[in-house]
Amino acid sequence: MPKIQASTVAEHRATQRAALLDAARALLSQNPDQIPSLADVAQHAGLARSSAYSYFKSRTDMFDALVTDTFPRWAAHVGKHVDAAPTPGQKILTYVEANLQLVARGDHALVRALSGIGSSEALATSSKLLHDSLRVPLQAALAEHGTAHPERMAELIQSIVYTLSRMIENGLSLRAATSLARELLAPYVDKITN
């Protein structure tokens, strides 16, 4: 029996599972067009191939777990940055910028890759939860900022995020994308309460 590297078997299993998910995330981020096998993921994590099968029934099962692990991380990253912004207007800009940072880091490419290999049910559920959880801090900032229709304005701002995300993935730098977002949104966010 392999020696465990944690104080309990449960902690060891959680650490091993997290290492496999991190390895899968890293491999997909490096090359979103090449879907790694469970053996590839185990090797990248420094674990035996059989270890991967003790945590996941199949490659699809592992990628479903990665979907449900990745989306909350995205929402937590954005939420943490938005919460730290000092004013409602800054929260709105920070929302856009935090999302663009993740796109530039490769997380959006990872999400796109996962959409092609995970089960559609896991993806649809996690994607809805991500978008719902992302909408909450943005709509709250918009309402606090004095926006008459926070839900509609959130949709407009999200369309800016989508467009700039595409531009980043087509080669625009994060700095240039952020500059465009600020140029477009600054008159609005500076207008009401700032």
Protein backbone atom coordinates (compact mmCIF):
# COMPACT_ATOMS: atom_id res chain seq x y z
CA MET A 1 0.00 0.00 0.00
CA PRO A 2 1.41 3.44 -0.93
CA LYS A 3 2.38 5.76 1.91
CA ILE A 4 -0.10 8.56 2.43
CA GLN A 5 1.17 12.13 2.48
CA ALA A 6 -1.47 13.59 4.82
CA SER A 7 -2.64 13.18 8.40
CA THR A 8 -5.73 11.19 7.35
CA VAL A 9 -6.69 8.98 4.45
CA ALA A 10 -9.51 11.39 3.56
CA GLU A 11 -7.08 14.33 3.38
CA HIS A 12 -4.70 12.23 1.29
CA ARG A 13 -7.47 11.31 -1.15
CA ALA A 14 -8.61 14.94 -1.40
CA THR A 15 -5.02 16.04 -2.11
CA GLN A 16 -4.52 13.33 -4.75
CA ARG A 17 -7.82 14.18 -6.44
CA ALA A 18 -6.96 17.89 -6.45
CA ALA A 19 -3.53 17.08 -7.94
CA LEU A 20 -5.20 15.16 -10.76
CA LEU A 21 -7.64 17.99 -11.46
CA ASP A 22 -4.80 20.54 -11.41
CA ALA A 23 -2.81 18.36 -13.82
CA ALA A 24 -5.79 18.06 -16.18
CA ARG A 25 -6.33 21.83 -15.97
CA ALA A 26 -2.64 22.49 -16.75
CA LEU A 27 -2.56 20.08 -19.70
CA LEU A 28 -5.73 21.51 -21.21
CA SER A 29 -4.54 25.09 -20.66
CA GLN A 30 -1.27 24.31 -22.45
CA ASN A 31 -3.02 22.73 -25.40
CA PRO A 32 -6.82 23.10 -25.45
CA ASP A 33 -7.09 21.19 -28.73
CA GLN A 34 -5.45 18.03 -27.37
CA ILE A 35 -7.55 16.12 -24.87
CA PRO A 36 -5.30 14.30 -22.40
CA SER A 37 -5.97 10.74 -21.32
CA LEU A 38 -6.28 9.71 -17.68
CA ALA A 39 -2.79 8.22 -18.00
CA ASP A 40 -1.42 11.57 -19.26
CA VAL A 41 -3.05 13.39 -16.38
CA ALA A 42 -1.75 10.92 -13.80
CA GLN A 43 1.77 11.17 -15.22
CA HIS A 44 1.63 14.99 -15.17
CA ALA A 45 0.49 14.84 -11.53
CA GLY A 46 3.34 12.47 -10.67
CA LEU A 47 0.97 9.64 -9.82
CA ALA A 48 0.56 6.10 -11.06
CA ARG A 49 -1.90 5.59 -13.91
CA SER A 50 -4.02 3.34 -11.71
CA SER A 51 -4.38 6.22 -9.24
CA ALA A 52 -6.40 8.22 -11.75
CA TYR A 53 -8.89 5.36 -12.08
CA SER A 54 -9.37 5.17 -8.33
CA TYR A 55 -10.67 8.76 -8.40
CA PHE A 56 -12.47 8.92 -11.76
CA LYS A 57 -14.41 6.23 -13.65
CA SER A 58 -13.46 7.64 -17.05
CA ARG A 59 -11.91 10.61 -18.77
CA THR A 60 -15.38 12.15 -19.15
CA ASP A 61 -15.97 11.69 -15.42
CA MET A 62 -12.69 13.50 -14.69
CA PHE A 63 -13.55 16.37 -17.04
CA ASP A 64 -17.02 16.68 -15.51
CA ALA A 65 -15.29 17.02 -12.12
CA LEU A 66 -12.96 19.61 -13.63
CA VAL A 67 -15.95 21.61 -14.93
CA THR A 68 -17.57 21.63 -11.50
CA ASP A 69 -14.21 22.60 -9.94
CA THR A 70 -13.22 25.30 -12.45
CA PHE A 71 -16.40 27.37 -12.67
CA PRO A 72 -16.63 28.16 -8.93
CA ARG A 73 -12.96 29.23 -9.01
CA TRP A 74 -13.78 31.69 -11.80
CA ALA A 75 -16.70 33.14 -9.85
CA ALA A 76 -14.62 33.33 -6.64
CA HIS A 77 -11.80 35.17 -8.45
CA VAL A 78 -14.18 37.75 -9.90
CA GLY A 79 -16.16 38.11 -6.66
CA LYS A 80 -13.03 38.64 -4.56
CA HIS A 81 -11.81 41.44 -6.81
CA VAL A 82 -15.21 43.10 -7.09
CA ASP A 83 -15.68 43.01 -3.30
CA ALA A 84 -12.30 44.72 -2.81
CA ALA A 85 -13.15 47.65 -5.11
CA PRO A 86 -13.93 50.81 -3.12
CA THR A 87 -16.85 52.32 -5.09
CA PRO A 88 -19.74 50.98 -7.16
CA GLY A 89 -18.19 52.39 -10.33
CA GLN A 90 -14.87 50.73 -9.54
CA LYS A 91 -16.70 47.46 -8.82
CA ILE A 92 -18.18 47.57 -12.34
CA LEU A 93 -14.80 48.17 -13.96
CA THR A 94 -13.18 45.57 -11.73
CA TYR A 95 -15.81 43.03 -12.75
CA VAL A 96 -14.84 43.48 -16.40
CA GLU A 97 -11.11 43.49 -15.70
CA ALA A 98 -11.18 40.40 -13.45
CA ASN A 99 -12.99 38.42 -16.14
CA LEU A 100 -10.52 39.60 -18.79
CA GLN A 101 -7.59 38.58 -16.57
CA LEU A 102 -8.91 35.02 -16.50
CA VAL A 103 -9.36 35.02 -20.26
CA ALA A 104 -5.81 36.28 -20.78
CA ARG A 105 -4.51 33.65 -18.34
CA GLY A 106 -6.08 30.94 -20.49
CA ASP A 107 -9.02 30.00 -18.30
CA HIS A 108 -11.57 30.76 -21.02
CA ALA A 109 -9.74 28.48 -23.46
CA LEU A 110 -9.88 25.84 -20.75
CA VAL A 111 -13.64 26.35 -20.36
CA ARG A 112 -14.11 26.08 -24.13
CA ALA A 113 -12.06 22.88 -24.21
CA LEU A 114 -14.10 21.46 -21.35
CA SER A 115 -17.32 22.28 -23.19
CA GLY A 116 -16.22 19.91 -25.93
CA ILE A 117 -15.31 16.98 -23.71
CA GLY A 118 -17.39 17.07 -20.53
CA SER A 119 -20.93 15.79 -20.34
CA SER A 120 -23.47 18.29 -21.55
CA GLU A 121 -25.50 17.99 -18.34
CA ALA A 122 -22.55 18.79 -16.04
CA LEU A 123 -21.48 21.62 -18.32
CA ALA A 124 -24.96 23.13 -18.61
CA THR A 125 -25.54 22.99 -14.85
CA SER A 126 -22.12 24.42 -13.97
CA SER A 127 -22.28 27.05 -16.71
CA LYS A 128 -25.68 28.27 -15.47
CA LEU A 129 -24.42 28.40 -11.88
CA LEU A 130 -21.31 30.33 -13.00
CA HIS A 131 -23.27 32.89 -14.96
CA ASP A 132 -25.85 33.26 -12.20
CA SER A 133 -23.15 33.72 -9.55
CA LEU A 134 -21.26 36.22 -11.73
CA ARG A 135 -24.41 38.23 -12.32
CA VAL A 136 -25.01 38.83 -8.59
CA PRO A 137 -22.03 41.12 -7.77
CA LEU A 138 -22.33 42.96 -11.08
CA GLN A 139 -26.03 43.67 -10.66
CA ALA A 140 -25.48 44.71 -7.03
CA ALA A 141 -22.75 47.17 -8.09
CA LEU A 142 -24.96 48.51 -10.86
CA ALA A 143 -27.90 48.98 -8.48
CA GLU A 144 -25.66 50.70 -5.94
CA HIS A 145 -24.31 52.87 -8.73
CA GLY A 146 -27.84 54.07 -9.48
CA THR A 147 -28.59 52.15 -12.65
CA ALA A 148 -32.32 52.14 -13.42
CA HIS A 149 -32.27 48.59 -14.84
CA PRO A 150 -29.37 46.60 -13.30
CA GLU A 151 -30.37 43.33 -15.03
CA ARG A 152 -30.35 44.87 -18.50
CA MET A 153 -27.20 46.88 -17.90
CA ALA A 154 -25.48 43.73 -16.63
CA GLU A 155 -26.30 42.05 -19.94
CA LEU A 156 -24.76 44.96 -21.83
CA ILE A 157 -21.61 44.89 -19.72
CA GLN A 158 -21.38 41.12 -20.12
CA SER A 159 -21.52 41.58 -23.89
CA ILE A 160 -18.49 43.87 -23.58
CA VAL A 161 -16.70 41.15 -21.61
CA TYR A 162 -17.54 38.56 -24.30
CA THR A 163 -16.36 40.80 -27.13
CA LEU A 164 -13.10 41.73 -25.40
CA SER A 165 -12.58 38.06 -24.49
CA ARG A 166 -12.76 37.15 -28.16
CA MET A 167 -10.32 39.94 -28.98
CA ILE A 168 -7.85 38.69 -26.36
CA GLU A 169 -8.10 35.16 -27.72
CA ASN A 170 -7.38 36.59 -31.18
CA GLY A 171 -4.18 38.26 -29.98
CA LEU A 172 -5.14 41.55 -28.30
CA SER A 173 -3.11 42.10 -25.13
CA LEU A 174 -4.80 42.22 -21.74
CA ARG A 175 -3.51 45.76 -21.31
CA ALA A 176 -5.11 46.89 -24.60
CA ALA A 177 -8.38 45.11 -23.80
CA THR A 178 -8.51 46.70 -20.34
CA SER A 179 -7.79 50.09 -21.87
CA LEU A 180 -10.68 49.67 -24.32
CA ALA A 181 -13.03 48.65 -21.50
CA ARG A 182 -12.03 51.66 -19.43
CA GLU A 183 -12.38 54.02 -22.39
CA LEU A 184 -15.88 52.72 -23.09
CA LEU A 185 -17.13 52.42 -19.51
CA ALA A 186 -15.37 55.30 -17.71
CA PRO A 187 -17.90 57.96 -18.75
CA TYR A 188 -20.70 55.76 -17.41
CA VAL A 189 -19.07 54.64 -14.14
CA ASP A 190 -17.83 58.15 -13.35
CA LYS A 191 -21.21 59.70 -14.07
CA ILE A 192 -23.58 58.83 -11.23
CA THR A 193 -22.03 58.27 -7.80
CA ASN A 194 -18.27 58.60 -8.19
